[in-house]
Amino acid sequence: MIGPMEATWLLEDLVPVGALVVLHGKTKSGEPIFALNLALAQAISRPFLRRRSLGAQVALIRPEEAPTIIRNRVKTMCDFVPEGVYISAGIL
């Protein structure tokens, strides 16, 4: 008998490699900060929600905010903008 294939996890037991992740929540519920933390954890291969992170390049797309606001938020959280983080913000 053949069992299910073992998944390769981008974020241990939560996000498999190759998955599309859509994050949605009520206004002012914190989903942009949650998404930014998840993205930065992937970019620098650090744990997120106590789960191992494989690490990956990430794109931050925030058309409703100015690029400097996003870049400053990233620098505040990491002290630098990690390699492999691509930011697209402001009017596209």
PDB file of N, CA and C in Angstrom:
ATOM      1  N   MET A   1       0.840  -1.176   0.000  1.00  0.00           N
ATOM      2  CA  MET A   1       0.000   0.000   0.000  1.00  0.00           C
ATOM      3  C   MET A   1       0.886   1.239   0.000  1.00  0.00           C
ATOM      4  N   ILE A   2       0.534   2.190  -0.835  1.00  0.00           N
ATOM      5  CA  ILE A   2       1.302   3.427  -0.930  1.00  0.00           C
ATOM      6  C   ILE A   2       0.590   4.500  -0.115  1.00  0.00           C
ATOM      7  N   GLY A   3       1.315   5.134   0.792  1.00  0.00           N
ATOM      8  CA  GLY A   3       0.740   6.183   1.632  1.00  0.00           C
ATOM      9  C   GLY A   3       0.837   7.538   0.960  1.00  0.00           C
ATOM     10  N   PRO A   4       0.307   8.558   1.620  1.00  0.00           N
ATOM     11  CA  PRO A   4       0.377   9.909   1.058  1.00  0.00           C
ATOM     12  C   PRO A   4       1.825  10.383   0.969  1.00  0.00           C
ATOM     13  N   MET A   5       2.094  11.212  -0.029  1.00  0.00           N
ATOM     14  CA  MET A   5       3.450  11.748  -0.193  1.00  0.00           C
ATOM     15  C   MET A   5       3.746  12.719   0.944  1.00  0.00           C
ATOM     16  N   GLU A   6       4.964  12.699   1.379  1.00  0.00           N
ATOM     17  CA  GLU A   6       5.414  13.620   2.415  1.00  0.00           C
ATOM     18  C   GLU A   6       5.582  15.006   1.783  1.00  0.00           C
ATOM     19  N   ALA A   7       4.965  16.006   2.375  1.00  0.00           N
ATOM     20  CA  ALA A   7       5.054  17.373   1.856  1.00  0.00           C
ATOM     21  C   ALA A   7       6.378  18.007   2.269  1.00  0.00           C
ATOM     22  N   THR A   8       6.861  18.912   1.444  1.00  0.00           N
ATOM     23  CA  THR A   8       7.973  19.776   1.811  1.00  0.00           C
ATOM     24  C   THR A   8       7.345  21.080   2.274  1.00  0.00           C
ATOM     25  N   TRP A   9       7.701  21.481   3.484  1.00  0.00           N
ATOM     26  CA  TRP A   9       7.040  22.629   4.099  1.00  0.00           C
ATOM     27  C   TRP A   9       7.878  23.894   4.006  1.00  0.00           C
ATOM     28  N   LEU A  10       7.267  24.959   3.505  1.00  0.00           N
ATOM     29  CA  LEU A  10       7.882  26.278   3.542  1.00  0.00           C
ATOM     30  C   LEU A  10       7.826  26.799   4.978  1.00  0.00           C
ATOM     31  N   LEU A  11       6.669  26.591   5.610  1.00  0.00           N
ATOM     32  CA  LEU A  11       6.487  26.877   7.022  1.00  0.00           C
ATOM     33  C   LEU A  11       5.910  25.612   7.634  1.00  0.00           C
ATOM     34  N   GLU A  12       6.676  24.985   8.496  1.00  0.00           N
ATOM     35  CA  GLU A  12       6.392  23.652   9.043  1.00  0.00           C
ATOM     36  C   GLU A  12       4.919  23.416   9.374  1.00  0.00           C
ATOM     37  N   ASP A  13       4.357  22.388   8.754  1.00  0.00           N
ATOM     38  CA  ASP A  13       2.979  21.929   8.988  1.00  0.00           C
ATOM     39  C   ASP A  13       1.905  23.000   8.754  1.00  0.00           C
ATOM     40  N   LEU A  14       2.251  24.075   8.050  1.00  0.00           N
ATOM     41  CA  LEU A  14       1.284  25.129   7.827  1.00  0.00           C
ATOM     42  C   LEU A  14       1.219  25.565   6.367  1.00  0.00           C
ATOM     43  N   VAL A  15       2.376  25.790   5.752  1.00  0.00           N
ATOM     44  CA  VAL A  15       2.416  26.252   4.361  1.00  0.00           C
ATOM     45  C   VAL A  15       3.339  25.334   3.571  1.00  0.00           C
ATOM     46  N   PRO A  16       2.767  24.503   2.688  1.00  0.00           N
ATOM     47  CA  PRO A  16       3.624  23.645   1.864  1.00  0.00           C
ATOM     48  C   PRO A  16       4.279  24.440   0.729  1.00  0.00           C
ATOM     49  N   VAL A  17       5.426  23.974   0.287  1.00  0.00           N
ATOM     50  CA  VAL A  17       6.111  24.591  -0.851  1.00  0.00           C
ATOM     51  C   VAL A  17       5.168  24.565  -2.047  1.00  0.00           C
ATOM     52  N   GLY A  18       5.088  25.661  -2.768  1.00  0.00           N
ATOM     53  CA  GLY A  18       4.255  25.747  -3.956  1.00  0.00           C
ATOM     54  C   GLY A  18       2.818  26.139  -3.694  1.00  0.00           C
ATOM     55  N   ALA A  19       2.466  26.375  -2.432  1.00  0.00           N
ATOM     56  CA  ALA A  19       1.084  26.726  -2.097  1.00  0.00           C
ATOM     57  C   ALA A  19       0.827  28.207  -2.354  1.00  0.00           C
ATOM     58  N   LEU A  20      -0.411  28.520  -2.644  1.00  0.00           N
ATOM     59  CA  LEU A  20      -0.870  29.893  -2.717  1.00  0.00           C
ATOM     60  C   LEU A  20      -1.542  30.198  -1.381  1.00  0.00           C
ATOM     61  N   VAL A  21      -1.074  31.229  -0.708  1.00  0.00           N
ATOM     62  CA  VAL A  21      -1.627  31.591   0.586  1.00  0.00           C
ATOM     63  C   VAL A  21      -2.385  32.899   0.432  1.00  0.00           C
ATOM     64  N   VAL A  22      -3.638  32.891   0.827  1.00  0.00           N
ATOM     65  CA  VAL A  22      -4.465  34.096   0.793  1.00  0.00           C
ATOM     66  C   VAL A  22      -4.837  34.425   2.227  1.00  0.00           C
ATOM     67  N   LEU A  23      -4.546  35.635   2.623  1.00  0.00           N
ATOM     68  CA  LEU A  23      -4.827  36.074   3.987  1.00  0.00           C
ATOM     69  C   LEU A  23      -5.900  37.151   3.925  1.00  0.00           C
ATOM     70  N   HIS A  24      -6.965  36.955   4.675  1.00  0.00           N
ATOM     71  CA  HIS A  24      -8.070  37.907   4.667  1.00  0.00           C
ATOM     72  C   HIS A  24      -8.583  38.064   6.086  1.00  0.00           C
ATOM     73  N   GLY A  25      -8.992  39.263   6.425  1.00  0.00           N
ATOM     74  CA  GLY A  25      -9.541  39.489   7.753  1.00  0.00           C
ATOM     75  C   GLY A  25     -10.358  40.763   7.790  1.00  0.00           C
ATOM     76  N   LYS A  26     -11.019  40.985   8.903  1.00  0.00           N
ATOM     77  CA  LYS A  26     -11.784  42.214   9.085  1.00  0.00           C
ATOM     78  C   LYS A  26     -10.841  43.410   9.064  1.00  0.00           C
ATOM     79  N   THR A  27     -11.367  44.551   8.688  1.00  0.00           N
ATOM     80  CA  THR A  27     -10.593  45.781   8.719  1.00  0.00           C
ATOM     81  C   THR A  27     -10.057  46.009  10.131  1.00  0.00           C
ATOM     82  N   LYS A  28      -8.807  46.417  10.193  1.00  0.00           N
ATOM     83  CA  LYS A  28      -8.122  46.704  11.470  1.00  0.00           C
ATOM     84  C   LYS A  28      -7.902  45.466  12.336  1.00  0.00           C
ATOM     85  N   SER A  29      -7.845  44.276  11.722  1.00  0.00           N
ATOM     86  CA  SER A  29      -7.628  43.061  12.509  1.00  0.00           C
ATOM     87  C   SER A  29      -6.159  42.649  12.561  1.00  0.00           C
ATOM     88  N   GLY A  30      -5.284  43.390  11.888  1.00  0.00           N
ATOM     89  CA  GLY A  30      -3.853  43.122  11.980  1.00  0.00           C
ATOM     90  C   GLY A  30      -3.284  42.227  10.899  1.00  0.00           C
ATOM     91  N   GLU A  31      -4.073  41.892   9.872  1.00  0.00           N
ATOM     92  CA  GLU A  31      -3.552  40.977   8.851  1.00  0.00           C
ATOM     93  C   GLU A  31      -2.350  41.528   8.090  1.00  0.00           C
ATOM     94  N   PRO A  32      -2.219  42.846   7.843  1.00  0.00           N
ATOM     95  CA  PRO A  32      -0.992  43.313   7.162  1.00  0.00           C
ATOM     96  C   PRO A  32       0.276  43.071   7.989  1.00  0.00           C
ATOM     97  N   ILE A  33       0.207  43.268   9.305  1.00  0.00           N
ATOM     98  CA  ILE A  33       1.375  43.030  10.162  1.00  0.00           C
ATOM     99  C   ILE A  33       1.660  41.541  10.260  1.00  0.00           C
ATOM    100  N   PHE A  34       0.627  40.716  10.354  1.00  0.00           N
ATOM    101  CA  PHE A  34       0.799  39.263  10.360  1.00  0.00           C
ATOM    102  C   PHE A  34       1.497  38.821   9.071  1.00  0.00           C
ATOM    103  N   ALA A  35       1.004  39.311   7.933  1.00  0.00           N
ATOM    104  CA  ALA A  35       1.581  38.947   6.632  1.00  0.00           C
ATOM    105  C   ALA A  35       3.030  39.424   6.522  1.00  0.00           C
ATOM    106  N   LEU A  36       3.322  40.617   7.013  1.00  0.00           N
ATOM    107  CA  LEU A  36       4.686  41.139   6.967  1.00  0.00           C
ATOM    108  C   LEU A  36       5.609  40.284   7.834  1.00  0.00           C
ATOM    109  N   ASN A  37       5.162  39.901   9.016  1.00  0.00           N
ATOM    110  CA  ASN A  37       5.969  39.024   9.876  1.00  0.00           C
ATOM    111  C   ASN A  37       6.230  37.678   9.217  1.00  0.00           C
ATOM    112  N   LEU A  38       5.210  37.107   8.593  1.00  0.00           N
ATOM    113  CA  LEU A  38       5.372  35.836   7.880  1.00  0.00           C
ATOM    114  C   LEU A  38       6.369  35.984   6.733  1.00  0.00           C
ATOM    115  N   ALA A  39       6.230  37.044   5.955  1.00  0.00           N
ATOM    116  CA  ALA A  39       7.128  37.269   4.818  1.00  0.00           C
ATOM    117  C   ALA A  39       8.575  37.443   5.276  1.00  0.00           C
ATOM    118  N   LEU A  40       8.790  38.229   6.319  1.00  0.00           N
ATOM    119  CA  LEU A  40      10.158  38.452   6.803  1.00  0.00           C
ATOM    120  C   LEU A  40      10.747  37.184   7.410  1.00  0.00           C
ATOM    121  N   ALA A  41       9.932  36.382   8.076  1.00  0.00           N
ATOM    122  CA  ALA A  41      10.416  35.103   8.612  1.00  0.00           C
ATOM    123  C   ALA A  41      10.912  34.221   7.472  1.00  0.00           C
ATOM    124  N   GLN A  42      10.193  34.212   6.361  1.00  0.00           N
ATOM    125  CA  GLN A  42      10.629  33.433   5.200  1.00  0.00           C
ATOM    126  C   GLN A  42      11.906  34.008   4.605  1.00  0.00           C
ATOM    127  N   ALA A  43      11.975  35.325   4.499  1.00  0.00           N
ATOM    128  CA  ALA A  43      13.130  35.969   3.862  1.00  0.00           C
ATOM    129  C   ALA A  43      14.428  35.713   4.609  1.00  0.00           C
ATOM    130  N   ILE A  44      14.358  35.603   5.937  1.00  0.00           N
ATOM    131  CA  ILE A  44      15.595  35.398   6.706  1.00  0.00           C
ATOM    132  C   ILE A  44      15.636  34.030   7.386  1.00  0.00           C
ATOM    133  N   SER A  45      14.740  33.131   6.970  1.00  0.00           N
ATOM    134  CA  SER A  45      14.703  31.742   7.469  1.00  0.00           C
ATOM    135  C   SER A  45      14.662  31.666   8.991  1.00  0.00           C
ATOM    136  N   ARG A  46      13.783  32.429   9.583  1.00  0.00           N
ATOM    137  CA  ARG A  46      13.626  32.368  11.046  1.00  0.00           C
ATOM    138  C   ARG A  46      12.281  31.731  11.373  1.00  0.00           C
ATOM    139  N   PRO A  47      12.144  31.165  12.561  1.00  0.00           N
ATOM    140  CA  PRO A  47      10.871  30.551  12.940  1.00  0.00           C
ATOM    141  C   PRO A  47       9.733  31.578  12.946  1.00  0.00           C
ATOM    142  N   PHE A  48       8.537  31.092  12.688  1.00  0.00           N
ATOM    143  CA  PHE A  48       7.336  31.917  12.722  1.00  0.00           C
ATOM    144  C   PHE A  48       6.242  31.087  13.375  1.00  0.00           C
ATOM    145  N   LEU A  49       5.578  31.625  14.369  1.00  0.00           N
ATOM    146  CA  LEU A  49       4.577  30.890  15.142  1.00  0.00           C
ATOM    147  C   LEU A  49       5.149  29.575  15.688  1.00  0.00           C
ATOM    148  N   ARG A  50       6.388  29.627  16.113  1.00  0.00           N
ATOM    149  CA  ARG A  50       7.109  28.470  16.662  1.00  0.00           C
ATOM    150  C   ARG A  50       7.245  27.322  15.667  1.00  0.00           C
ATOM    151  N   ARG A  51       7.229  27.647  14.391  1.00  0.00           N
ATOM    152  CA  ARG A  51       7.378  26.637  13.340  1.00  0.00           C
ATOM    153  C   ARG A  51       8.634  26.955  12.538  1.00  0.00           C
ATOM    154  N   ARG A  52       9.330  25.909  12.116  1.00  0.00           N
ATOM    155  CA  ARG A  52      10.524  26.101  11.293  1.00  0.00           C
ATOM    156  C   ARG A  52      10.146  26.690   9.949  1.00  0.00           C
ATOM    157  N   SER A  53      11.036  27.538   9.463  1.00  0.00           N
ATOM    158  CA  SER A  53      10.830  28.181   8.172  1.00  0.00           C
ATOM    159  C   SER A  53      11.934  27.743   7.219  1.00  0.00           C
ATOM    160  N   LEU A  54      11.544  27.277   6.046  1.00  0.00           N
ATOM    161  CA  LEU A  54      12.514  26.864   5.038  1.00  0.00           C
ATOM    162  C   LEU A  54      13.248  28.068   4.475  1.00  0.00           C
ATOM    163  N   GLY A  55      12.565  29.179   4.350  1.00  0.00           N
ATOM    164  CA  GLY A  55      13.136  30.396   3.787  1.00  0.00           C
ATOM    165  C   GLY A  55      12.826  30.498   2.303  1.00  0.00           C
ATOM    166  N   ALA A  56      12.550  31.710   1.866  1.00  0.00           N
ATOM    167  CA  ALA A  56      12.202  31.936   0.469  1.00  0.00           C
ATOM    168  C   ALA A  56      12.308  33.419   0.161  1.00  0.00           C
ATOM    169  N   GLN A  57      12.391  33.731  -1.115  1.00  0.00           N
ATOM    170  CA  GLN A  57      12.290  35.120  -1.530  1.00  0.00           C
ATOM    171  C   GLN A  57      10.825  35.517  -1.416  1.00  0.00           C
ATOM    172  N   VAL A  58      10.578  36.763  -1.046  1.00  0.00           N
ATOM    173  CA  VAL A  58       9.203  37.213  -0.863  1.00  0.00           C
ATOM    174  C   VAL A  58       8.974  38.546  -1.576  1.00  0.00           C
ATOM    175  N   ALA A  59       7.749  38.752  -1.979  1.00  0.00           N
ATOM    176  CA  ALA A  59       7.333  40.027  -2.563  1.00  0.00           C
ATOM    177  C   ALA A  59       6.272  40.631  -1.660  1.00  0.00           C
ATOM    178  N   LEU A  60       6.468  41.870  -1.279  1.00  0.00           N
ATOM    179  CA  LEU A  60       5.492  42.599  -0.477  1.00  0.00           C
ATOM    180  C   LEU A  60       4.781  43.563  -1.413  1.00  0.00           C
ATOM    181  N   ILE A  61       3.492  43.372  -1.623  1.00  0.00           N
ATOM    182  CA  ILE A  61       2.717  44.216  -2.531  1.00  0.00           C
ATOM    183  C   ILE A  61       1.673  44.946  -1.701  1.00  0.00           C
ATOM    184  N   ARG A  62       1.852  46.242  -1.555  1.00  0.00           N
ATOM    185  CA  ARG A  62       0.969  47.068  -0.732  1.00  0.00           C
ATOM    186  C   ARG A  62       0.620  48.342  -1.505  1.00  0.00           C
ATOM    187  N   PRO A  63      -0.313  48.272  -2.456  1.00  0.00           N
ATOM    188  CA  PRO A  63      -0.609  49.439  -3.285  1.00  0.00           C
ATOM    189  C   PRO A  63      -1.197  50.625  -2.527  1.00  0.00           C
ATOM    190  N   GLU A  64      -1.730  50.394  -1.330  1.00  0.00           N
ATOM    191  CA  GLU A  64      -2.355  51.489  -0.596  1.00  0.00           C
ATOM    192  C   GLU A  64      -1.392  52.244   0.317  1.00  0.00           C
ATOM    193  N   GLU A  65      -0.119  51.842   0.367  1.00  0.00           N
ATOM    194  CA  GLU A  65       0.854  52.515   1.229  1.00  0.00           C
ATOM    195  C   GLU A  65       2.059  52.967   0.426  1.00  0.00           C
ATOM    196  N   ALA A  66       2.688  54.024   0.893  1.00  0.00           N
ATOM    197  CA  ALA A  66       3.886  54.549   0.233  1.00  0.00           C
ATOM    198  C   ALA A  66       5.062  53.592   0.443  1.00  0.00           C
ATOM    199  N   PRO A  67       5.935  53.452  -0.562  1.00  0.00           N
ATOM    200  CA  PRO A  67       7.098  52.551  -0.431  1.00  0.00           C
ATOM    201  C   PRO A  67       7.962  52.855   0.788  1.00  0.00           C
ATOM    202  N   THR A  68       8.141  54.129   1.126  1.00  0.00           N
ATOM    203  CA  THR A  68       8.982  54.467   2.283  1.00  0.00           C
ATOM    204  C   THR A  68       8.373  53.967   3.583  1.00  0.00           C
ATOM    205  N   ILE A  69       7.054  53.951   3.677  1.00  0.00           N
ATOM    206  CA  ILE A  69       6.402  53.447   4.897  1.00  0.00           C
ATOM    207  C   ILE A  69       6.680  51.956   5.061  1.00  0.00           C
ATOM    208  N   ILE A  70       6.537  51.199   3.979  1.00  0.00           N
ATOM    209  CA  ILE A  70       6.790  49.752   4.037  1.00  0.00           C
ATOM    210  C   ILE A  70       8.256  49.483   4.344  1.00  0.00           C
ATOM    211  N   ARG A  71       9.163  50.171   3.644  1.00  0.00           N
ATOM    212  CA  ARG A  71      10.604  49.965   3.864  1.00  0.00           C
ATOM    213  C   ARG A  71      10.968  50.292   5.315  1.00  0.00           C
ATOM    214  N   ASN A  72      10.445  51.384   5.863  1.00  0.00           N
ATOM    215  CA  ASN A  72      10.736  51.748   7.253  1.00  0.00           C
ATOM    216  C   ASN A  72      10.163  50.720   8.226  1.00  0.00           C
ATOM    217  N   ARG A  73       8.979  50.185   7.922  1.00  0.00           N
ATOM    218  CA  ARG A  73       8.380  49.151   8.779  1.00  0.00           C
ATOM    219  C   ARG A  73       9.261  47.898   8.784  1.00  0.00           C
ATOM    220  N   VAL A  74       9.755  47.517   7.611  1.00  0.00           N
ATOM    221  CA  VAL A  74      10.636  46.348   7.512  1.00  0.00           C
ATOM    222  C   VAL A  74      11.927  46.594   8.288  1.00  0.00           C
ATOM    223  N   LYS A  75      12.525  47.771   8.136  1.00  0.00           N
ATOM    224  CA  LYS A  75      13.762  48.098   8.862  1.00  0.00           C
ATOM    225  C   LYS A  75      13.533  48.106  10.369  1.00  0.00           C
ATOM    226  N   THR A  76      12.372  48.564  10.816  1.00  0.00           N
ATOM    227  CA  THR A  76      12.057  48.562  12.245  1.00  0.00           C
ATOM    228  C   THR A  76      11.964  47.140  12.776  1.00  0.00           C
ATOM    229  N   MET A  77      11.390  46.249  11.990  1.00  0.00           N
ATOM    230  CA  MET A  77      11.209  44.868  12.429  1.00  0.00           C
ATOM    231  C   MET A  77      12.490  44.053  12.345  1.00  0.00           C
ATOM    232  N   CYS A  78      13.359  44.352  11.382  1.00  0.00           N
ATOM    233  CA  CYS A  78      14.561  43.533  11.150  1.00  0.00           C
ATOM    234  C   CYS A  78      15.870  44.284  11.320  1.00  0.00           C
ATOM    235  N   ASP A  79      15.843  45.579  11.489  1.00  0.00           N
ATOM    236  CA  ASP A  79      17.026  46.441  11.517  1.00  0.00           C
ATOM    237  C   ASP A  79      17.668  46.596  10.143  1.00  0.00           C
ATOM    238  N   PHE A  80      17.118  45.965   9.123  1.00  0.00           N
ATOM    239  CA  PHE A  80      17.641  46.057   7.758  1.00  0.00           C
ATOM    240  C   PHE A  80      16.577  45.504   6.811  1.00  0.00           C
ATOM    241  N   VAL A  81      16.748  45.758   5.530  1.00  0.00           N
ATOM    242  CA  VAL A  81      15.873  45.126   4.542  1.00  0.00           C
ATOM    243  C   VAL A  81      16.613  43.899   4.031  1.00  0.00           C
ATOM    244  N   PRO A  82      16.143  42.696   4.352  1.00  0.00           N
ATOM    245  CA  PRO A  82      16.860  41.472   3.971  1.00  0.00           C
ATOM    246  C   PRO A  82      16.939  41.288   2.460  1.00  0.00           C
ATOM    247  N   GLU A  83      18.002  40.622   2.014  1.00  0.00           N
ATOM    248  CA  GLU A  83      18.083  40.224   0.615  1.00  0.00           C
ATOM    249  C   GLU A  83      16.924  39.284   0.337  1.00  0.00           C
ATOM    250  N   GLY A  84      16.404  39.326  -0.858  1.00  0.00           N
ATOM    251  CA  GLY A  84      15.301  38.440  -1.211  1.00  0.00           C
ATOM    252  C   GLY A  84      13.947  38.999  -0.844  1.00  0.00           C
ATOM    253  N   VAL A  85      13.891  40.253  -0.383  1.00  0.00           N
ATOM    254  CA  VAL A  85      12.617  40.924  -0.115  1.00  0.00           C
ATOM    255  C   VAL A  85      12.423  41.973  -1.186  1.00  0.00           C
ATOM    256  N   TYR A  86      11.348  41.835  -1.925  1.00  0.00           N
ATOM    257  CA  TYR A  86      11.031  42.764  -2.996  1.00  0.00           C
ATOM    258  C   TYR A  86       9.764  43.514  -2.619  1.00  0.00           C
ATOM    259  N   ILE A  87       9.840  44.847  -2.651  1.00  0.00           N
ATOM    260  CA  ILE A  87       8.729  45.669  -2.187  1.00  0.00           C
ATOM    261  C   ILE A  87       8.121  46.415  -3.361  1.00  0.00           C
ATOM    262  N   SER A  88       6.815  46.259  -3.522  1.00  0.00           N
ATOM    263  CA  SER A  88       6.046  47.041  -4.492  1.00  0.00           C
ATOM    264  C   SER A  88       4.940  47.719  -3.714  1.00  0.00           C
ATOM    265  N   ALA A  89       5.025  49.034  -3.597  1.00  0.00           N
ATOM    266  CA  ALA A  89       4.040  49.769  -2.800  1.00  0.00           C
ATOM    267  C   ALA A  89       3.669  51.048  -3.537  1.00  0.00           C
ATOM    268  N   GLY A  90       2.631  51.679  -3.064  1.00  0.00           N
ATOM    269  CA  GLY A  90       2.148  52.892  -3.720  1.00  0.00           C
ATOM    270  C   GLY A  90       1.324  52.516  -4.940  1.00  0.00           C
ATOM    271  N   ILE A  91       0.968  53.506  -5.713  1.00  0.00           N
ATOM    272  CA  ILE A  91       0.152  53.280  -6.899  1.00  0.00           C
ATOM    273  C   ILE A  91       0.938  52.459  -7.902  1.00  0.00           C
ATOM    274  N   LEU A  92       0.362  51.335  -8.329  1.00  0.00           N
ATOM    275  CA  LEU A  92       1.037  50.440  -9.263  1.00  0.00           C
ATOM    276  C   LEU A  92       0.882  50.912 -10.690  1.00  0.00           C
TER     277      LEU A  92
END
